[in-house]
Amino acid sequence: MVKDLPNVYLVTHSRRHAKLSLESAIAAALDGGAKLVQCRDDSLSREELSDIVSKVLPWFDSSDARLLVHRYIEEAVMLGAHGVHVASEDLPRLPAIRKRVPDGFLIGYTAHTVRDGYSAAHMGADFVTLGPVFDPPHGEARHPVLGAQEAGRAVTEVPCPVFVAGGISSFKFKRLRACGVGRVALSSAVFDNSDVRRVVMEYREFWEA
């Protein structure tokens, strides 16, 4: 089990309508002290995302931070990224993925139930993100909303680090902590802000206290 994961895991999203480019957003997050970032932008092709990973990866090495690539296992290994984050439908493939990656390579897994998180931990995942915990700020959740209590149960029952995700804003931090949650995965709560660096610093201060 990976024991030195931070309390805040950042997940980028599409920058198509954002003021900051994906590279600029990542740079700002690192300036704010981010230590674990998943590079994801579903609006980009595999080649475009790989080009960005190649560009930003040296920033992580100089910041003592780790960069994970969304789902593209071969590219993540080839480029020298620190890990890959796979989707819920990849659960049966986790043992095979573990065999294909080098030692120390992180594998994150997206779980939508506590049971799937438990299975993933036993099948090769180093950590899981569990969600959605809350309703998303826009639109409807694609999976059943779990709630803070269920997120707290996952922390005690899943035998690997659990980052809770989905619909999380700073207004819900105390509620999550009261339920035993110690790690969060954040996307729009960070990257939809104009001052990514400041927000990362503020959120890290809360979760690392």
C-alpha atoms as a PDB file:
ATOM      1  CA  MET A   1       0.000   0.000   0.000  1.00  0.00           C
ATOM      2  CA  VAL A   2       1.182   3.497  -0.824  1.00  0.00           C
ATOM      3  CA  LYS A   3       1.511   5.350   2.463  1.00  0.00           C
ATOM      4  CA  ASP A   4       2.825   8.735   1.382  1.00  0.00           C
ATOM      5  CA  LEU A   5      -0.043   9.998  -0.734  1.00  0.00           C
ATOM      6  CA  PRO A   6      -1.150  13.569  -0.049  1.00  0.00           C
ATOM      7  CA  ASN A   7      -4.584  14.545   1.222  1.00  0.00           C
ATOM      8  CA  VAL A   8      -5.561  16.439  -1.922  1.00  0.00           C
ATOM      9  CA  TYR A   9      -5.614  14.875  -5.389  1.00  0.00           C
ATOM     10  CA  LEU A  10      -6.234  17.243  -8.301  1.00  0.00           C
ATOM     11  CA  VAL A  11      -7.882  16.152 -11.540  1.00  0.00           C
ATOM     12  CA  THR A  12      -7.778  18.490 -14.514  1.00  0.00           C
ATOM     13  CA  HIS A  13     -10.694  18.719 -16.928  1.00  0.00           C
ATOM     14  CA  SER A  14     -11.447  20.164 -20.339  1.00  0.00           C
ATOM     15  CA  ARG A  15      -9.906  23.603 -20.842  1.00  0.00           C
ATOM     16  CA  ARG A  16     -11.888  24.297 -24.006  1.00  0.00           C
ATOM     17  CA  HIS A  17     -13.699  27.274 -22.477  1.00  0.00           C
ATOM     18  CA  ALA A  18     -11.274  28.069 -19.676  1.00  0.00           C
ATOM     19  CA  LYS A  19      -9.171  31.177 -19.286  1.00  0.00           C
ATOM     20  CA  LEU A  20      -6.061  29.138 -18.481  1.00  0.00           C
ATOM     21  CA  SER A  21      -4.545  26.536 -20.769  1.00  0.00           C
ATOM     22  CA  LEU A  22      -4.097  23.040 -19.371  1.00  0.00           C
ATOM     23  CA  GLU A  23      -0.366  23.641 -18.994  1.00  0.00           C
ATOM     24  CA  SER A  24      -0.921  26.952 -17.195  1.00  0.00           C
ATOM     25  CA  ALA A  25      -3.492  25.411 -14.872  1.00  0.00           C
ATOM     26  CA  ILE A  26      -1.091  22.615 -13.945  1.00  0.00           C
ATOM     27  CA  ALA A  27       1.744  25.080 -13.399  1.00  0.00           C
ATOM     28  CA  ALA A  28      -0.444  27.161 -11.085  1.00  0.00           C
ATOM     29  CA  ALA A  29      -1.465  24.058  -9.134  1.00  0.00           C
ATOM     30  CA  LEU A  30       2.175  23.096  -8.629  1.00  0.00           C
ATOM     31  CA  ASP A  31       2.971  26.642  -7.514  1.00  0.00           C
ATOM     32  CA  GLY A  32       0.247  26.192  -4.912  1.00  0.00           C
ATOM     33  CA  GLY A  33       1.945  23.060  -3.579  1.00  0.00           C
ATOM     34  CA  ALA A  34      -0.020  20.318  -5.330  1.00  0.00           C
ATOM     35  CA  LYS A  35       1.676  16.933  -4.931  1.00  0.00           C
ATOM     36  CA  LEU A  36      -0.601  14.615  -6.915  1.00  0.00           C
ATOM     37  CA  VAL A  37      -2.267  15.592 -10.198  1.00  0.00           C
ATOM     38  CA  GLN A  38      -4.142  13.596 -12.818  1.00  0.00           C
ATOM     39  CA  CYS A  39      -3.802  15.011 -16.306  1.00  0.00           C
ATOM     40  CA  ARG A  40      -7.190  14.610 -17.964  1.00  0.00           C
ATOM     41  CA  ASP A  41      -8.893  16.489 -20.753  1.00  0.00           C
ATOM     42  CA  ASP A  42     -11.464  14.504 -22.706  1.00  0.00           C
ATOM     43  CA  SER A  43     -11.556  17.159 -25.424  1.00  0.00           C
ATOM     44  CA  LEU A  44      -7.963  16.297 -26.425  1.00  0.00           C
ATOM     45  CA  SER A  45      -6.752  13.414 -28.553  1.00  0.00           C
ATOM     46  CA  ARG A  46      -4.364  10.829 -27.170  1.00  0.00           C
ATOM     47  CA  GLU A  47      -1.506  12.488 -29.040  1.00  0.00           C
ATOM     48  CA  GLU A  48      -2.391  15.989 -27.820  1.00  0.00           C
ATOM     49  CA  LEU A  49      -2.600  14.863 -24.203  1.00  0.00           C
ATOM     50  CA  SER A  50       0.718  13.022 -24.539  1.00  0.00           C
ATOM     51  CA  ASP A  51       2.377  16.176 -25.843  1.00  0.00           C
ATOM     52  CA  ILE A  52       1.174  18.099 -22.790  1.00  0.00           C
ATOM     53  CA  VAL A  53       2.346  15.372 -20.408  1.00  0.00           C
ATOM     54  CA  SER A  54       5.796  15.493 -22.017  1.00  0.00           C
ATOM     55  CA  LYS A  55       5.928  19.244 -21.503  1.00  0.00           C
ATOM     56  CA  VAL A  56       4.774  19.389 -17.878  1.00  0.00           C
ATOM     57  CA  LEU A  57       6.403  16.231 -16.507  1.00  0.00           C
ATOM     58  CA  PRO A  58       9.769  17.933 -15.739  1.00  0.00           C
ATOM     59  CA  TRP A  59       7.869  20.439 -13.575  1.00  0.00           C
ATOM     60  CA  PHE A  60       6.677  17.578 -11.378  1.00  0.00           C
ATOM     61  CA  ASP A  61      10.132  16.102 -10.960  1.00  0.00           C
ATOM     62  CA  SER A  62      11.488  19.480  -9.831  1.00  0.00           C
ATOM     63  CA  SER A  63       8.519  19.983  -7.462  1.00  0.00           C
ATOM     64  CA  ASP A  64       8.678  16.544  -5.806  1.00  0.00           C
ATOM     65  CA  ALA A  65       5.149  15.964  -7.106  1.00  0.00           C
ATOM     66  CA  ARG A  66       3.588  13.116  -9.074  1.00  0.00           C
ATOM     67  CA  LEU A  67       1.706  13.187 -12.353  1.00  0.00           C
ATOM     68  CA  LEU A  68      -0.830  10.549 -13.359  1.00  0.00           C
ATOM     69  CA  VAL A  69      -2.262  10.152 -16.854  1.00  0.00           C
ATOM     70  CA  HIS A  70      -5.926   9.450 -17.419  1.00  0.00           C
ATOM     71  CA  ARG A  71      -6.374   5.877 -18.769  1.00  0.00           C
ATOM     72  CA  TYR A  72      -3.548   5.916 -21.360  1.00  0.00           C
ATOM     73  CA  ILE A  73      -1.354   3.241 -19.811  1.00  0.00           C
ATOM     74  CA  GLU A  74       1.178   2.774 -22.597  1.00  0.00           C
ATOM     75  CA  GLU A  75       1.739   6.506 -22.969  1.00  0.00           C
ATOM     76  CA  ALA A  76       2.062   7.003 -19.218  1.00  0.00           C
ATOM     77  CA  VAL A  77       4.770   4.347 -18.983  1.00  0.00           C
ATOM     78  CA  MET A  78       6.575   5.438 -22.142  1.00  0.00           C
ATOM     79  CA  LEU A  79       6.647   9.102 -21.145  1.00  0.00           C
ATOM     80  CA  GLY A  80       7.862   8.369 -17.631  1.00  0.00           C
ATOM     81  CA  ALA A  81       4.759   9.575 -15.787  1.00  0.00           C
ATOM     82  CA  HIS A  82       4.356   8.530 -12.185  1.00  0.00           C
ATOM     83  CA  GLY A  83       1.154   6.596 -12.715  1.00  0.00           C
ATOM     84  CA  VAL A  84      -2.157   6.110 -14.471  1.00  0.00           C
ATOM     85  CA  HIS A  85      -5.750   6.524 -13.346  1.00  0.00           C
ATOM     86  CA  VAL A  86      -8.227   4.039 -14.792  1.00  0.00           C
ATOM     87  CA  ALA A  87     -12.028   4.020 -14.984  1.00  0.00           C
ATOM     88  CA  SER A  88     -14.586   1.840 -13.232  1.00  0.00           C
ATOM     89  CA  GLU A  89     -14.986  -0.426 -16.265  1.00  0.00           C
ATOM     90  CA  ASP A  90     -11.287  -1.283 -16.037  1.00  0.00           C
ATOM     91  CA  LEU A  91     -11.734  -3.230 -12.796  1.00  0.00           C
ATOM     92  CA  PRO A  92     -11.252  -6.715 -14.380  1.00  0.00           C
ATOM     93  CA  ARG A  93      -8.055  -5.475 -16.060  1.00  0.00           C
ATOM     94  CA  LEU A  94      -6.332  -4.262 -12.886  1.00  0.00           C
ATOM     95  CA  PRO A  95      -4.189  -7.396 -12.316  1.00  0.00           C
ATOM     96  CA  ALA A  96      -3.003  -7.312 -15.937  1.00  0.00           C
ATOM     97  CA  ILE A  97      -2.312  -3.572 -15.747  1.00  0.00           C
ATOM     98  CA  ARG A  98      -0.239  -4.084 -12.596  1.00  0.00           C
ATOM     99  CA  LYS A  99       1.925  -6.614 -14.424  1.00  0.00           C
ATOM    100  CA  ARG A 100       2.528  -4.201 -17.311  1.00  0.00           C
ATOM    101  CA  VAL A 101       3.814  -1.237 -15.313  1.00  0.00           C
ATOM    102  CA  PRO A 102       7.163  -0.727 -13.557  1.00  0.00           C
ATOM    103  CA  ASP A 103       7.739  -0.895  -9.821  1.00  0.00           C
ATOM    104  CA  GLY A 104       6.608   2.221  -8.009  1.00  0.00           C
ATOM    105  CA  PHE A 105       4.157   3.132 -10.752  1.00  0.00           C
ATOM    106  CA  LEU A 106       0.892   4.338  -9.230  1.00  0.00           C
ATOM    107  CA  ILE A 107      -2.452   2.931 -10.310  1.00  0.00           C
ATOM    108  CA  GLY A 108      -5.526   4.922  -9.320  1.00  0.00           C
ATOM    109  CA  TYR A 109      -9.033   3.565  -9.851  1.00  0.00           C
ATOM    110  CA  THR A 110     -12.417   5.280 -10.030  1.00  0.00           C
ATOM    111  CA  ALA A 111     -15.004   3.483  -7.875  1.00  0.00           C
ATOM    112  CA  HIS A 112     -18.690   4.271  -7.630  1.00  0.00           C
ATOM    113  CA  THR A 113     -19.442   1.896  -4.755  1.00  0.00           C
ATOM    114  CA  VAL A 114     -17.605   0.862  -1.614  1.00  0.00           C
ATOM    115  CA  ARG A 115     -17.648  -2.716  -2.870  1.00  0.00           C
ATOM    116  CA  ASP A 116     -15.857  -1.803  -6.101  1.00  0.00           C
ATOM    117  CA  GLY A 117     -13.295   0.180  -4.134  1.00  0.00           C
ATOM    118  CA  TYR A 118     -12.659  -2.836  -1.917  1.00  0.00           C
ATOM    119  CA  SER A 119     -12.267  -5.101  -4.962  1.00  0.00           C
ATOM    120  CA  ALA A 120      -9.928  -2.669  -6.698  1.00  0.00           C
ATOM    121  CA  ALA A 121      -7.641  -2.515  -3.667  1.00  0.00           C
ATOM    122  CA  HIS A 122      -7.283  -6.301  -3.766  1.00  0.00           C
ATOM    123  CA  MET A 123      -6.763  -6.390  -7.532  1.00  0.00           C
ATOM    124  CA  GLY A 124      -3.814  -4.016  -7.796  1.00  0.00           C
ATOM    125  CA  ALA A 125      -4.983  -0.431  -7.317  1.00  0.00           C
ATOM    126  CA  ASP A 126      -2.790   1.730  -5.102  1.00  0.00           C
ATOM    127  CA  PHE A 127      -5.672   4.061  -4.290  1.00  0.00           C
ATOM    128  CA  VAL A 128      -9.241   4.732  -5.334  1.00  0.00           C
ATOM    129  CA  THR A 129     -11.357   7.785  -5.911  1.00  0.00           C
ATOM    130  CA  LEU A 130     -14.919   7.216  -4.744  1.00  0.00           C
ATOM    131  CA  GLY A 131     -17.880   9.175  -5.979  1.00  0.00           C
ATOM    132  CA  PRO A 132     -19.984  10.996  -6.618  1.00  0.00           C
ATOM    133  CA  VAL A 133     -20.331  11.904  -2.979  1.00  0.00           C
ATOM    134  CA  PHE A 134     -22.593  14.894  -3.675  1.00  0.00           C
ATOM    135  CA  ASP A 135     -24.743  16.106  -6.532  1.00  0.00           C
ATOM    136  CA  PRO A 136     -22.733  17.898  -9.203  1.00  0.00           C
ATOM    137  CA  PRO A 137     -23.116  21.695  -9.360  1.00  0.00           C
ATOM    138  CA  HIS A 138     -24.381  21.445 -12.952  1.00  0.00           C
ATOM    139  CA  GLY A 139     -26.469  18.698 -14.508  1.00  0.00           C
ATOM    140  CA  GLU A 140     -27.162  15.261 -13.060  1.00  0.00           C
ATOM    141  CA  ALA A 141     -24.763  12.685 -11.672  1.00  0.00           C
ATOM    142  CA  ARG A 142     -24.141   9.721 -13.979  1.00  0.00           C
ATOM    143  CA  HIS A 143     -23.951   7.385 -10.981  1.00  0.00           C
ATOM    144  CA  PRO A 144     -25.894   7.199  -7.697  1.00  0.00           C
ATOM    145  CA  VAL A 145     -24.854   9.892  -5.220  1.00  0.00           C
ATOM    146  CA  LEU A 146     -23.276   8.221  -2.178  1.00  0.00           C
ATOM    147  CA  GLY A 147     -23.356  10.902   0.501  1.00  0.00           C
ATOM    148  CA  ALA A 148     -20.840  11.817   3.175  1.00  0.00           C
ATOM    149  CA  GLN A 149     -21.703   8.920   5.496  1.00  0.00           C
ATOM    150  CA  GLU A 150     -21.041   6.329   2.796  1.00  0.00           C
ATOM    151  CA  ALA A 151     -17.779   8.076   1.961  1.00  0.00           C
ATOM    152  CA  GLY A 152     -16.755   7.771   5.590  1.00  0.00           C
ATOM    153  CA  ARG A 153     -17.606   4.060   5.536  1.00  0.00           C
ATOM    154  CA  ALA A 154     -15.369   3.588   2.517  1.00  0.00           C
ATOM    155  CA  VAL A 155     -12.423   5.082   4.368  1.00  0.00           C
ATOM    156  CA  THR A 156     -12.704   2.396   7.048  1.00  0.00           C
ATOM    157  CA  GLU A 157     -13.556  -0.568   4.803  1.00  0.00           C
ATOM    158  CA  VAL A 158     -11.440  -0.117   1.677  1.00  0.00           C
ATOM    159  CA  PRO A 159      -7.871  -1.353   2.375  1.00  0.00           C
ATOM    160  CA  CYS A 160      -6.104   1.377   0.422  1.00  0.00           C
ATOM    161  CA  PRO A 161      -6.187   5.194   0.442  1.00  0.00           C
ATOM    162  CA  VAL A 162      -9.561   6.603  -0.606  1.00  0.00           C
ATOM    163  CA  PHE A 163     -10.030  10.039  -2.149  1.00  0.00           C
ATOM    164  CA  VAL A 164     -13.685  11.045  -2.199  1.00  0.00           C
ATOM    165  CA  ALA A 165     -14.891  12.942  -5.243  1.00  0.00           C
ATOM    166  CA  GLY A 166     -17.881  14.464  -6.952  1.00  0.00           C
ATOM    167  CA  GLY A 167     -19.766  17.664  -6.200  1.00  0.00           C
ATOM    168  CA  ILE A 168     -17.275  18.679  -3.536  1.00  0.00           C
ATOM    169  CA  SER A 169     -16.890  22.355  -2.691  1.00  0.00           C
ATOM    170  CA  SER A 170     -15.125  24.056   0.193  1.00  0.00           C
ATOM    171  CA  PHE A 171     -18.489  24.460   1.925  1.00  0.00           C
ATOM    172  CA  LYS A 172     -18.650  20.673   2.346  1.00  0.00           C
ATOM    173  CA  PHE A 173     -15.150  20.091   3.692  1.00  0.00           C
ATOM    174  CA  LYS A 174     -16.117  20.129   7.372  1.00  0.00           C
ATOM    175  CA  ARG A 175     -19.045  17.806   6.746  1.00  0.00           C
ATOM    176  CA  LEU A 176     -16.762  15.282   5.067  1.00  0.00           C
ATOM    177  CA  ARG A 177     -14.150  15.484   7.778  1.00  0.00           C
ATOM    178  CA  ALA A 178     -16.827  14.932  10.435  1.00  0.00           C
ATOM    179  CA  CYS A 179     -17.642  11.639   8.681  1.00  0.00           C
ATOM    180  CA  GLY A 180     -14.024  10.481   8.832  1.00  0.00           C
ATOM    181  CA  VAL A 181     -12.909  11.510   5.352  1.00  0.00           C
ATOM    182  CA  GLY A 182      -9.268  12.561   5.159  1.00  0.00           C
ATOM    183  CA  ARG A 183      -8.608  12.768   1.421  1.00  0.00           C
ATOM    184  CA  VAL A 184     -10.423  14.485  -1.434  1.00  0.00           C
ATOM    185  CA  ALA A 185     -10.118  14.477  -5.212  1.00  0.00           C
ATOM    186  CA  LEU A 186     -10.954  17.872  -6.657  1.00  0.00           C
ATOM    187  CA  SER A 187     -11.493  19.052 -10.201  1.00  0.00           C
ATOM    188  CA  SER A 188     -13.839  21.952 -10.942  1.00  0.00           C
ATOM    189  CA  ALA A 189     -13.598  23.152  -7.322  1.00  0.00           C
ATOM    190  CA  VAL A 190      -9.996  24.043  -8.165  1.00  0.00           C
ATOM    191  CA  PHE A 191      -9.647  24.449 -11.905  1.00  0.00           C
ATOM    192  CA  ASP A 192     -12.762  26.562 -12.463  1.00  0.00           C
ATOM    193  CA  ASN A 193     -11.199  29.298 -10.321  1.00  0.00           C
ATOM    194  CA  SER A 194      -9.279  32.176 -11.815  1.00  0.00           C
ATOM    195  CA  ASP A 195      -6.588  31.898  -9.125  1.00  0.00           C
ATOM    196  CA  VAL A 196      -5.726  28.197  -9.075  1.00  0.00           C
ATOM    197  CA  ARG A 197      -2.584  28.711  -7.022  1.00  0.00           C
ATOM    198  CA  ARG A 198      -4.412  30.450  -4.173  1.00  0.00           C
ATOM    199  CA  VAL A 199      -7.229  27.897  -4.079  1.00  0.00           C
ATOM    200  CA  VAL A 200      -4.801  24.979  -3.964  1.00  0.00           C
ATOM    201  CA  MET A 201      -2.940  26.566  -1.074  1.00  0.00           C
ATOM    202  CA  GLU A 202      -6.166  27.192   0.856  1.00  0.00           C
ATOM    203  CA  TYR A 203      -7.520  23.682   0.309  1.00  0.00           C
ATOM    204  CA  ARG A 204      -4.210  22.066   1.208  1.00  0.00           C
ATOM    205  CA  GLU A 205      -4.102  24.093   4.423  1.00  0.00           C
ATOM    206  CA  PHE A 206      -7.484  22.665   5.448  1.00  0.00           C
ATOM    207  CA  TRP A 207      -6.862  19.028   4.549  1.00  0.00           C
ATOM    208  CA  GLU A 208      -3.283  18.866   5.757  1.00  0.00           C
ATOM    209  CA  ALA A 209      -4.020  20.467   9.135  1.00  0.00           C
END
